[in-house]
Structures are given as structure tokens and as C-alpha cells.
């Protein structure tokens, strides 16, 4: 039962992270506009939006890796004791 609980918590984190990330991209990041006019402003605004979204995705993947790595080694240590 304990294994199922931890896997359920990990899955809950993943879903909440995806939903939160989607909300951040749609409501915050896509609303970013730089006060520069012309094609340079459009280019810089797009670059900032893409860079911020990519940074958010990398942060989420890094957190996911850390959680899965910790869970994996905790499970391995538990199985050695038995």
C-alpha cells in the first residue's frame, strides 16, 4: 500500500505541474509584451516568450528527474533490506 501511495503522489505532482505550467504559459508568459516597436520588438517579444517557456519546461523536467531519482533509490534501498 505504501508503494501505491508514493506513486500516486508522484503522479499527482506530475498532473498538477502540467496544469500549472500550462496556466503559466497561457495566462502569464503569452501576455508578455516588450515596449519596443517594429520588427525588433516582435522578434524580442517572441524570443522572451520562447525562452521563458523553455526555461519553465527545463525546470519541470529537472524537478521530475530529481523526484524519480529519489524514489528509485529509496525503493532500491528498501528491497535490499528484505
PDB file of N, CA and C in Angstrom:
ATOM      1  N   UNK A   1       0.831  -1.202   0.000  1.00  0.00           N
ATOM      2  CA  UNK A   1       0.000   0.000   0.000  1.00  0.00           C
ATOM      3  C   UNK A   1       0.870   1.259   0.000  1.00  0.00           C
ATOM      4  N   UNK A   2       1.986   1.213   0.698  1.00  0.00           N
ATOM      5  CA  UNK A   2       2.873   2.369   0.776  1.00  0.00           C
ATOM      6  C   UNK A   2       3.450   2.712  -0.596  1.00  0.00           C
ATOM      7  N   UNK A   3       3.767   1.699  -1.392  1.00  0.00           N
ATOM      8  CA  UNK A   3       4.307   1.932  -2.733  1.00  0.00           C
ATOM      9  C   UNK A   3       3.272   2.636  -3.600  1.00  0.00           C
ATOM     10  N   UNK A   4       2.047   2.202  -3.522  1.00  0.00           N
ATOM     11  CA  UNK A   4       0.970   2.808  -4.309  1.00  0.00           C
ATOM     12  C   UNK A   4       0.774   4.264  -3.892  1.00  0.00           C
ATOM     13  N   UNK A   5       0.872   4.538  -2.603  1.00  0.00           N
ATOM     14  CA  UNK A   5       0.719   5.903  -2.102  1.00  0.00           C
ATOM     15  C   UNK A   5       1.782   6.829  -2.689  1.00  0.00           C
ATOM     16  N   UNK A   6       3.044   6.400  -2.679  1.00  0.00           N
ATOM     17  CA  UNK A   6       4.122   7.236  -3.211  1.00  0.00           C
ATOM     18  C   UNK A   6       3.981   7.436  -4.712  1.00  0.00           C
ATOM     19  N   UNK A   7       3.604   6.387  -5.424  1.00  0.00           N
ATOM     20  CA  UNK A   7       3.395   6.532  -6.868  1.00  0.00           C
ATOM     21  C   UNK A   7       2.227   7.462  -7.171  1.00  0.00           C
ATOM     22  N   UNK A   8       1.195   7.400  -6.353  1.00  0.00           N
ATOM     23  CA  UNK A   8       0.054   8.289  -6.518  1.00  0.00           C
ATOM     24  C   UNK A   8       0.461   9.739  -6.264  1.00  0.00           C
ATOM     25  N   UNK A   9       1.284   9.973  -5.259  1.00  0.00           N
ATOM     26  CA  UNK A   9       1.771  11.328  -5.000  1.00  0.00           C
ATOM     27  C   UNK A   9       2.633  11.850  -6.145  1.00  0.00           C
ATOM     28  N   UNK A  10       3.468  10.997  -6.703  1.00  0.00           N
ATOM     29  CA  UNK A  10       4.293  11.409  -7.838  1.00  0.00           C
ATOM     30  C   UNK A  10       3.408  11.743  -9.034  1.00  0.00           C
ATOM     31  N   UNK A  11       2.425  10.916  -9.302  1.00  0.00           N
ATOM     32  CA  UNK A  11       1.525  11.170 -10.416  1.00  0.00           C
ATOM     33  C   UNK A  11       0.720  12.456 -10.191  1.00  0.00           C
ATOM     34  N   UNK A  12       0.303  12.697  -8.961  1.00  0.00           N
ATOM     35  CA  UNK A  12      -0.412  13.930  -8.642  1.00  0.00           C
ATOM     36  C   UNK A  12       0.481  15.146  -8.877  1.00  0.00           C
ATOM     37  N   UNK A  13       1.751  15.057  -8.487  1.00  0.00           N
ATOM     38  CA  UNK A  13       2.695  16.149  -8.739  1.00  0.00           C
ATOM     39  C   UNK A  13       2.834  16.404 -10.227  1.00  0.00           C
ATOM     40  N   UNK A  14       2.938  15.345 -11.004  1.00  0.00           N
ATOM     41  CA  UNK A  14       3.103  15.496 -12.451  1.00  0.00           C
ATOM     42  C   UNK A  14       1.889  16.205 -13.054  1.00  0.00           C
ATOM     43  N   UNK A  15       0.695  15.768 -12.706  1.00  0.00           N
ATOM     44  CA  UNK A  15      -0.501  16.368 -13.286  1.00  0.00           C
ATOM     45  C   UNK A  15      -0.666  17.814 -12.841  1.00  0.00           C
ATOM     46  N   UNK A  16      -0.448  18.083 -11.566  1.00  0.00           N
ATOM     47  CA  UNK A  16      -0.563  19.459 -11.096  1.00  0.00           C
ATOM     48  C   UNK A  16       0.510  20.346 -11.719  1.00  0.00           C
ATOM     49  N   UNK A  17       1.702  19.799 -11.911  1.00  0.00           N
ATOM     50  CA  UNK A  17       2.766  20.547 -12.563  1.00  0.00           C
ATOM     51  C   UNK A  17       2.443  20.862 -14.004  1.00  0.00           C
ATOM     52  N   UNK A  18       1.882  19.901 -14.714  1.00  0.00           N
ATOM     53  CA  UNK A  18       1.491  20.141 -16.107  1.00  0.00           C
ATOM     54  C   UNK A  18       0.375  21.179 -16.213  1.00  0.00           C
ATOM     55  N   UNK A  19      -0.613  21.063 -15.362  1.00  0.00           N
ATOM     56  CA  UNK A  19      -1.718  22.019 -15.386  1.00  0.00           C
ATOM     57  C   UNK A  19      -1.233  23.401 -14.974  1.00  0.00           C
ATOM     58  N   UNK A  20      -0.404  23.473 -13.933  1.00  0.00           N
ATOM     59  CA  UNK A  20       0.139  24.761 -13.509  1.00  0.00           C
ATOM     60  C   UNK A  20       1.036  25.379 -14.566  1.00  0.00           C
ATOM     61  N   UNK A  21       1.852  24.572 -15.204  1.00  0.00           N
ATOM     62  CA  UNK A  21       2.711  25.069 -16.266  1.00  0.00           C
ATOM     63  C   UNK A  21       1.918  25.578 -17.455  1.00  0.00           C
ATOM     64  N   UNK A  22       0.867  24.859 -17.821  1.00  0.00           N
ATOM     65  CA  UNK A  22       0.004  25.292 -18.917  1.00  0.00           C
ATOM     66  C   UNK A  22      -0.661  26.619 -18.581  1.00  0.00           C
ATOM     67  N   UNK A  23      -1.126  26.748 -17.343  1.00  0.00           N
ATOM     68  CA  UNK A  23      -1.741  28.003 -16.918  1.00  0.00           C
ATOM     69  C   UNK A  23      -0.725  29.142 -16.975  1.00  0.00           C
ATOM     70  N   UNK A  24       0.502  28.894 -16.478  1.00  0.00           N
ATOM     71  CA  UNK A  24       1.537  29.929 -16.531  1.00  0.00           C
ATOM     72  C   UNK A  24       1.831  30.366 -17.962  1.00  0.00           C
ATOM     73  N   UNK A  25       1.934  29.415 -18.860  1.00  0.00           N
ATOM     74  CA  UNK A  25       2.231  29.753 -20.255  1.00  0.00           C
ATOM     75  C   UNK A  25       1.080  30.553 -20.854  1.00  0.00           C
ATOM     76  N   UNK A  26      -0.149  30.081 -20.675  1.00  0.00           N
ATOM     77  CA  UNK A  26      -1.290  30.740 -21.306  1.00  0.00           C
ATOM     78  C   UNK A  26      -1.629  32.097 -20.702  1.00  0.00           C
ATOM     79  N   UNK A  27      -1.573  32.200 -19.386  1.00  0.00           N
ATOM     80  CA  UNK A  27      -2.037  33.415 -18.722  1.00  0.00           C
ATOM     81  C   UNK A  27      -0.933  34.423 -18.414  1.00  0.00           C
ATOM     82  N   UNK A  28       0.295  33.978 -18.294  1.00  0.00           N
ATOM     83  CA  UNK A  28       1.370  34.895 -17.904  1.00  0.00           C
ATOM     84  C   UNK A  28       2.372  35.095 -19.036  1.00  0.00           C
ATOM     85  N   UNK A  29       2.946  34.017 -19.517  1.00  0.00           N
ATOM     86  CA  UNK A  29       4.037  34.133 -20.479  1.00  0.00           C
ATOM     87  C   UNK A  29       3.552  34.671 -21.824  1.00  0.00           C
ATOM     88  N   UNK A  30       2.407  34.211 -22.299  1.00  0.00           N
ATOM     89  CA  UNK A  30       1.912  34.698 -23.587  1.00  0.00           C
ATOM     90  C   UNK A  30       1.409  36.135 -23.521  1.00  0.00           C
ATOM     91  N   UNK A  31       1.239  36.683 -22.322  1.00  0.00           N
ATOM     92  CA  UNK A  31       0.812  38.069 -22.168  1.00  0.00           C
ATOM     93  C   UNK A  31       1.993  39.039 -22.124  1.00  0.00           C
ATOM     94  N   UNK A  32       3.210  38.510 -22.126  1.00  0.00           N
ATOM     95  CA  UNK A  32       4.400  39.361 -22.080  1.00  0.00           C
ATOM     96  C   UNK A  32       4.530  40.119 -23.395  1.00  0.00           C
ATOM     97  N   UNK A  33       4.667  41.427 -23.291  1.00  0.00           N
ATOM     98  CA  UNK A  33       4.958  42.259 -24.461  1.00  0.00           C
ATOM     99  C   UNK A  33       6.034  43.253 -24.069  1.00  0.00           C
ATOM    100  N   UNK A  34       6.996  43.411 -24.916  1.00  0.00           N
ATOM    101  CA  UNK A  34       8.070  44.365 -24.668  1.00  0.00           C
ATOM    102  C   UNK A  34       7.713  45.704 -25.322  1.00  0.00           C
ATOM    103  N   UNK A  35       8.101  46.812 -24.698  1.00  0.00           N
ATOM    104  CA  UNK A  35       7.743  48.128 -25.243  1.00  0.00           C
ATOM    105  C   UNK A  35       8.669  48.595 -26.375  1.00  0.00           C
ATOM    106  N   UNK A  36       9.004  47.679 -27.264  1.00  0.00           N
ATOM    107  CA  UNK A  36       9.837  48.012 -28.414  1.00  0.00           C
ATOM    108  C   UNK A  36       8.971  47.862 -29.660  1.00  0.00           C
ATOM    109  N   UNK A  37       9.018  48.857 -30.531  1.00  0.00           N
ATOM    110  CA  UNK A  37       8.163  48.813 -31.716  1.00  0.00           C
ATOM    111  C   UNK A  37       8.913  48.239 -32.909  1.00  0.00           C
ATOM    112  N   UNK A  38       8.149  47.877 -33.901  1.00  0.00           N
ATOM    113  CA  UNK A  38       8.733  47.374 -35.142  1.00  0.00           C
ATOM    114  C   UNK A  38       9.024  45.886 -35.090  1.00  0.00           C
ATOM    115  N   UNK A  39       9.755  45.450 -36.110  1.00  0.00           N
ATOM    116  CA  UNK A  39      10.063  44.020 -36.220  1.00  0.00           C
ATOM    117  C   UNK A  39      10.992  43.567 -35.102  1.00  0.00           C
ATOM    118  N   UNK A  40      11.848  44.465 -34.599  1.00  0.00           N
ATOM    119  CA  UNK A  40      12.746  44.104 -33.496  1.00  0.00           C
ATOM    120  C   UNK A  40      11.955  43.808 -32.225  1.00  0.00           C
ATOM    121  N   UNK A  41      10.938  44.598 -31.972  1.00  0.00           N
ATOM    122  CA  UNK A  41      10.082  44.367 -30.799  1.00  0.00           C
ATOM    123  C   UNK A  41       9.347  43.046 -30.892  1.00  0.00           C
ATOM    124  N   UNK A  42       8.838  42.751 -32.070  1.00  0.00           N
ATOM    125  CA  UNK A  42       8.143  41.475 -32.284  1.00  0.00           C
ATOM    126  C   UNK A  42       9.106  40.308 -32.089  1.00  0.00           C
ATOM    127  N   UNK A  43      10.303  40.449 -32.644  1.00  0.00           N
ATOM    128  CA  UNK A  43      11.309  39.398 -32.514  1.00  0.00           C
ATOM    129  C   UNK A  43      11.723  39.205 -31.056  1.00  0.00           C
ATOM    130  N   UNK A  44      12.007  40.293 -30.352  1.00  0.00           N
ATOM    131  CA  UNK A  44      12.424  40.193 -28.946  1.00  0.00           C
ATOM    132  C   UNK A  44      11.313  39.645 -28.058  1.00  0.00           C
ATOM    133  N   UNK A  45      10.080  40.071 -28.312  1.00  0.00           N
ATOM    134  CA  UNK A  45       8.944  39.553 -27.532  1.00  0.00           C
ATOM    135  C   UNK A  45       8.803  38.048 -27.734  1.00  0.00           C
ATOM    136  N   UNK A  46       8.900  37.609 -28.976  1.00  0.00           N
ATOM    137  CA  UNK A  46       8.824  36.166 -29.256  1.00  0.00           C
ATOM    138  C   UNK A  46       9.973  35.409 -28.617  1.00  0.00           C
ATOM    139  N   UNK A  47      11.176  35.973 -28.674  1.00  0.00           N
ATOM    140  CA  UNK A  47      12.336  35.308 -28.082  1.00  0.00           C
ATOM    141  C   UNK A  47      12.190  35.196 -26.565  1.00  0.00           C
ATOM    142  N   UNK A  48      11.690  36.244 -25.927  1.00  0.00           N
ATOM    143  CA  UNK A  48      11.489  36.206 -24.471  1.00  0.00           C
ATOM    144  C   UNK A  48      10.421  35.187 -24.110  1.00  0.00           C
ATOM    145  N   UNK A  49       9.345  35.147 -24.858  1.00  0.00           N
ATOM    146  CA  UNK A  49       8.278  34.170 -24.594  1.00  0.00           C
ATOM    147  C   UNK A  49       8.785  32.736 -24.750  1.00  0.00           C
ATOM    148  N   UNK A  50       9.504  32.490 -25.826  1.00  0.00           N
ATOM    149  CA  UNK A  50      10.017  31.132 -26.065  1.00  0.00           C
ATOM    150  C   UNK A  50      11.058  30.756 -25.023  1.00  0.00           C
ATOM    151  N   UNK A  51      11.950  31.680 -24.706  1.00  0.00           N
ATOM    152  CA  UNK A  51      12.981  31.398 -23.703  1.00  0.00           C
ATOM    153  C   UNK A  51      12.397  31.129 -22.325  1.00  0.00           C
ATOM    154  N   UNK A  52      11.408  31.919 -21.942  1.00  0.00           N
ATOM    155  CA  UNK A  52      10.756  31.721 -20.643  1.00  0.00           C
ATOM    156  C   UNK A  52      10.012  30.393 -20.606  1.00  0.00           C
ATOM    157  N   UNK A  53       9.297  30.058 -21.659  1.00  0.00           N
ATOM    158  CA  UNK A  53       8.575  28.783 -21.725  1.00  0.00           C
ATOM    159  C   UNK A  53       9.545  27.601 -21.709  1.00  0.00           C
ATOM    160  N   UNK A  54      10.645  27.716 -22.439  1.00  0.00           N
ATOM    161  CA  UNK A  54      11.644  26.645 -22.453  1.00  0.00           C
ATOM    162  C   UNK A  54      12.289  26.496 -21.082  1.00  0.00           C
ATOM    163  N   UNK A  55      12.566  27.607 -20.422  1.00  0.00           N
ATOM    164  CA  UNK A  55      13.120  27.545 -19.066  1.00  0.00           C
ATOM    165  C   UNK A  55      12.169  26.876 -18.089  1.00  0.00           C
ATOM    166  N   UNK A  56      10.894  27.181 -18.218  1.00  0.00           N
ATOM    167  CA  UNK A  56       9.886  26.544 -17.368  1.00  0.00           C
ATOM    168  C   UNK A  56       9.833  25.037 -17.620  1.00  0.00           C
ATOM    169  N   UNK A  57       9.901  24.629 -18.883  1.00  0.00           N
ATOM    170  CA  UNK A  57       9.878  23.202 -19.223  1.00  0.00           C
ATOM    171  C   UNK A  57      11.118  22.496 -18.690  1.00  0.00           C
ATOM    172  N   UNK A  58      12.283  23.120 -18.816  1.00  0.00           N
ATOM    173  CA  UNK A  58      13.518  22.513 -18.301  1.00  0.00           C
ATOM    174  C   UNK A  58      13.458  22.396 -16.789  1.00  0.00           C
ATOM    175  N   UNK A  59      12.950  23.422 -16.106  1.00  0.00           N
ATOM    176  CA  UNK A  59      12.809  23.362 -14.652  1.00  0.00           C
ATOM    177  C   UNK A  59      11.881  22.218 -14.243  1.00  0.00           C
ATOM    178  N   UNK A  60      10.766  22.063 -14.954  1.00  0.00           N
ATOM    179  CA  UNK A  60       9.821  20.997 -14.634  1.00  0.00           C
ATOM    180  C   UNK A  60      10.465  19.617 -14.842  1.00  0.00           C
ATOM    181  N   UNK A  61      11.187  19.456 -15.949  1.00  0.00           N
ATOM    182  CA  UNK A  61      11.846  18.180 -16.213  1.00  0.00           C
ATOM    183  C   UNK A  61      12.935  17.884 -15.189  1.00  0.00           C
ATOM    184  N   UNK A  62      13.654  18.913 -14.751  1.00  0.00           N
ATOM    185  CA  UNK A  62      14.685  18.723 -13.727  1.00  0.00           C
ATOM    186  C   UNK A  62      14.048  18.280 -12.413  1.00  0.00           C
ATOM    187  N   UNK A  63      12.951  18.920 -12.015  1.00  0.00           N
ATOM    188  CA  UNK A  63      12.249  18.505 -10.790  1.00  0.00           C
ATOM    189  C   UNK A  63      11.748  17.070 -10.910  1.00  0.00           C
ATOM    190  N   UNK A  64      11.183  16.722 -12.046  1.00  0.00           N
ATOM    191  CA  UNK A  64      10.686  15.369 -12.295  1.00  0.00           C
ATOM    192  C   UNK A  64      11.821  14.357 -12.155  1.00  0.00           C
ATOM    193  N   UNK A  65      12.983  14.651 -12.721  1.00  0.00           N
ATOM    194  CA  UNK A  65      14.136  13.762 -12.635  1.00  0.00           C
ATOM    195  C   UNK A  65      14.568  13.573 -11.187  1.00  0.00           C
ATOM    196  N   UNK A  66      14.616  14.658 -10.418  1.00  0.00           N
ATOM    197  CA  UNK A  66      15.028  14.574  -9.007  1.00  0.00           C
ATOM    198  C   UNK A  66      14.060  13.717  -8.197  1.00  0.00           C
ATOM    199  N   UNK A  67      12.776  13.902  -8.432  1.00  0.00           N
ATOM    200  CA  UNK A  67      11.776  13.128  -7.681  1.00  0.00           C
ATOM    201  C   UNK A  67      11.865  11.654  -8.044  1.00  0.00           C
ATOM    202  N   UNK A  68      11.949  11.348  -9.327  1.00  0.00           N
ATOM    203  CA  UNK A  68      12.026   9.949  -9.752  1.00  0.00           C
ATOM    204  C   UNK A  68      13.330   9.297  -9.281  1.00  0.00           C
ATOM    205  N   UNK A  69      14.424  10.030  -9.310  1.00  0.00           N
ATOM    206  CA  UNK A  69      15.711   9.504  -8.850  1.00  0.00           C
ATOM    207  C   UNK A  69      15.641   9.171  -7.359  1.00  0.00           C
ATOM    208  N   UNK A  70      15.067  10.083  -6.567  1.00  0.00           N
ATOM    209  CA  UNK A  70      14.933   9.836  -5.125  1.00  0.00           C
ATOM    210  C   UNK A  70      14.023   8.638  -4.861  1.00  0.00           C
ATOM    211  N   UNK A  71      12.927   8.534  -5.598  1.00  0.00           N
ATOM    212  CA  UNK A  71      12.007   7.407  -5.409  1.00  0.00           C
ATOM    213  C   UNK A  71      12.679   6.091  -5.794  1.00  0.00           C
ATOM    214  N   UNK A  72      13.411   6.092  -6.900  1.00  0.00           N
ATOM    215  CA  UNK A  72      14.088   4.882  -7.350  1.00  0.00           C
ATOM    216  C   UNK A  72      15.076   4.387  -6.292  1.00  0.00           C
ATOM    217  N   UNK A  73      15.937   5.267  -5.781  1.00  0.00           N
ATOM    218  CA  UNK A  73      16.938   4.832  -4.811  1.00  0.00           C
ATOM    219  C   UNK A  73      16.306   4.464  -3.473  1.00  0.00           C
ATOM    220  N   UNK A  74      15.221   5.094  -3.103  1.00  0.00           N
ATOM    221  CA  UNK A  74      14.521   4.705  -1.876  1.00  0.00           C
ATOM    222  C   UNK A  74      13.951   3.297  -2.031  1.00  0.00           C
ATOM    223  N   UNK A  75      13.421   2.996  -3.200  1.00  0.00           N
ATOM    224  CA  UNK A  75      12.873   1.659  -3.455  1.00  0.00           C
ATOM    225  C   UNK A  75      13.979   0.606  -3.484  1.00  0.00           C
ATOM    226  N   UNK A  76      15.119   0.939  -4.075  1.00  0.00           N
ATOM    227  CA  UNK A  76      16.248   0.004  -4.123  1.00  0.00           C
ATOM    228  C   UNK A  76      16.755  -0.277  -2.711  1.00  0.00           C
ATOM    229  N   UNK A  77      16.908   0.727  -1.897  1.00  0.00           N
ATOM    230  CA  UNK A  77      17.373   0.540  -0.520  1.00  0.00           C
ATOM    231  C   UNK A  77      16.400  -0.319   0.278  1.00  0.00           C
ATOM    232  N   UNK A  78      15.105  -0.104   0.060  1.00  0.00           N
ATOM    233  CA  UNK A  78      14.091  -0.910   0.755  1.00  0.00           C
ATOM    234  C   UNK A  78      14.177  -2.377   0.330  1.00  0.00           C
ATOM    235  N   UNK A  79      14.397  -2.616  -0.954  1.00  0.00           N
ATOM    236  CA  UNK A  79      14.429  -4.000  -1.440  1.00  0.00           C
ATOM    237  C   UNK A  79      15.691  -4.730  -0.968  1.00  0.00           C
ATOM    238  N   UNK A  80      16.764  -4.021  -0.708  1.00  0.00           N
ATOM    239  CA  UNK A  80      17.982  -4.653  -0.179  1.00  0.00           C
ATOM    240  C   UNK A  80      17.788  -5.162   1.236  1.00  0.00           C
ATOM    241  N   UNK A  81      17.002  -4.431   2.026  1.00  0.00           N
ATOM    242  CA  UNK A  81      16.768  -4.817   3.411  1.00  0.00           C
ATOM    243  C   UNK A  81      15.924  -6.096   3.531  1.00  0.00           C
ATOM    244  N   UNK A  82      15.088  -6.335   2.542  1.00  0.00           N
ATOM    245  CA  UNK A  82      14.185  -7.506   2.626  1.00  0.00           C
ATOM    246  C   UNK A  82      14.833  -8.747   2.162  1.00  0.00           C
TER     247      UNK A  82
END
